[in-house]
């Protein structure tokens, strides 16, 4: 399985760190956090450009061993 990059708010739960296995929302599979880093994104929101910090999580789906 390839890694998934998930962009979250800059102040996303600080307990979500590399090595943690968690299920972010009901209905989603469990993920292992491979990396966490702060990133700055530039995007156009309407007519103006914005530059803001975010948290980037690199995740891997935890495969069901019975699978």
C-alpha atoms as a PDB file:
ATOM      1  CA  UNK A   1       0.000   0.000   0.000  1.00  0.00           C
ATOM      2  CA  UNK A   2       1.266   3.444  -0.851  1.00  0.00           C
ATOM      3  CA  UNK A   3       1.541   6.194   1.702  1.00  0.00           C
ATOM      4  CA  UNK A   4      -1.206   8.770   2.078  1.00  0.00           C
ATOM      5  CA  UNK A   5      -0.552  12.445   2.793  1.00  0.00           C
ATOM      6  CA  UNK A   6      -3.224  14.041   4.936  1.00  0.00           C
ATOM      7  CA  UNK A   7      -3.221  17.799   5.506  1.00  0.00           C
ATOM      8  CA  UNK A   8      -4.722  18.920   8.815  1.00  0.00           C
ATOM      9  CA  UNK A   9      -4.984  22.263  10.648  1.00  0.00           C
ATOM     10  CA  UNK A  10      -1.710  23.610  12.052  1.00  0.00           C
ATOM     11  CA  UNK A  11      -2.758  22.864  15.640  1.00  0.00           C
ATOM     12  CA  UNK A  12      -3.933  19.288  14.915  1.00  0.00           C
ATOM     13  CA  UNK A  13      -3.873  16.910  17.896  1.00  0.00           C
ATOM     14  CA  UNK A  14      -0.237  16.921  19.163  1.00  0.00           C
ATOM     15  CA  UNK A  15      -0.600  13.317  20.409  1.00  0.00           C
ATOM     16  CA  UNK A  16      -0.741  12.106  16.791  1.00  0.00           C
ATOM     17  CA  UNK A  17       2.940  11.339  16.201  1.00  0.00           C
ATOM     18  CA  UNK A  18       5.040   8.937  14.128  1.00  0.00           C
ATOM     19  CA  UNK A  19       4.471   5.326  15.153  1.00  0.00           C
ATOM     20  CA  UNK A  20       0.912   5.852  16.395  1.00  0.00           C
ATOM     21  CA  UNK A  21      -1.837   3.646  14.996  1.00  0.00           C
ATOM     22  CA  UNK A  22      -5.195   5.397  15.085  1.00  0.00           C
ATOM     23  CA  UNK A  23      -8.592   5.633  13.417  1.00  0.00           C
ATOM     24  CA  UNK A  24      -9.226   9.341  12.733  1.00  0.00           C
ATOM     25  CA  UNK A  25     -12.985   9.010  12.181  1.00  0.00           C
ATOM     26  CA  UNK A  26     -15.591   6.244  12.402  1.00  0.00           C
ATOM     27  CA  UNK A  27     -15.901   4.463   9.084  1.00  0.00           C
ATOM     28  CA  UNK A  28     -12.258   5.031   8.124  1.00  0.00           C
ATOM     29  CA  UNK A  29      -9.638   2.301   8.415  1.00  0.00           C
ATOM     30  CA  UNK A  30      -6.865   2.383  10.987  1.00  0.00           C
ATOM     31  CA  UNK A  31      -3.695   4.193   9.922  1.00  0.00           C
ATOM     32  CA  UNK A  32      -0.115   4.138  11.123  1.00  0.00           C
ATOM     33  CA  UNK A  33       1.489   7.577  11.242  1.00  0.00           C
ATOM     34  CA  UNK A  34       4.779   7.348   9.350  1.00  0.00           C
ATOM     35  CA  UNK A  35       5.720  11.035   9.697  1.00  0.00           C
ATOM     36  CA  UNK A  36       4.378  14.329  10.987  1.00  0.00           C
ATOM     37  CA  UNK A  37       5.681  17.695   9.904  1.00  0.00           C
ATOM     38  CA  UNK A  38       4.623  21.303   9.704  1.00  0.00           C
ATOM     39  CA  UNK A  39       4.174  22.683   6.208  1.00  0.00           C
ATOM     40  CA  UNK A  40       3.226  26.063   4.808  1.00  0.00           C
ATOM     41  CA  UNK A  41       0.790  26.139   1.928  1.00  0.00           C
ATOM     42  CA  UNK A  42      -0.010  28.908  -0.482  1.00  0.00           C
ATOM     43  CA  UNK A  43      -3.455  28.804  -2.037  1.00  0.00           C
ATOM     44  CA  UNK A  44      -5.943  31.107  -3.651  1.00  0.00           C
ATOM     45  CA  UNK A  45      -9.050  31.561  -1.519  1.00  0.00           C
ATOM     46  CA  UNK A  46     -11.447  33.545  -3.661  1.00  0.00           C
ATOM     47  CA  UNK A  47      -9.687  36.555  -5.144  1.00  0.00           C
ATOM     48  CA  UNK A  48      -6.748  36.697  -2.692  1.00  0.00           C
ATOM     49  CA  UNK A  49      -3.755  34.440  -2.149  1.00  0.00           C
ATOM     50  CA  UNK A  50      -3.199  33.106   1.365  1.00  0.00           C
ATOM     51  CA  UNK A  51      -0.148  31.538   2.993  1.00  0.00           C
ATOM     52  CA  UNK A  52      -0.866  29.483   6.095  1.00  0.00           C
ATOM     53  CA  UNK A  53       0.760  26.745   8.213  1.00  0.00           C
ATOM     54  CA  UNK A  54      -0.701  23.229   8.314  1.00  0.00           C
ATOM     55  CA  UNK A  55       0.210  19.839   9.767  1.00  0.00           C
ATOM     56  CA  UNK A  56       1.123  17.175   7.229  1.00  0.00           C
ATOM     57  CA  UNK A  57       0.650  13.558   8.284  1.00  0.00           C
ATOM     58  CA  UNK A  58       2.087  10.745   6.193  1.00  0.00           C
ATOM     59  CA  UNK A  59      -0.085   7.689   6.815  1.00  0.00           C
ATOM     60  CA  UNK A  60      -0.180   4.036   5.866  1.00  0.00           C
ATOM     61  CA  UNK A  61      -3.344   1.934   6.103  1.00  0.00           C
ATOM     62  CA  UNK A  62      -2.971  -0.817   8.679  1.00  0.00           C
ATOM     63  CA  UNK A  63      -3.741  -3.997   6.785  1.00  0.00           C
ATOM     64  CA  UNK A  64      -5.984  -6.564   8.438  1.00  0.00           C
ATOM     65  CA  UNK A  65      -3.726  -9.607   9.027  1.00  0.00           C
ATOM     66  CA  UNK A  66      -6.739 -11.868   8.355  1.00  0.00           C
ATOM     67  CA  UNK A  67      -7.088 -10.094   5.125  1.00  0.00           C
END
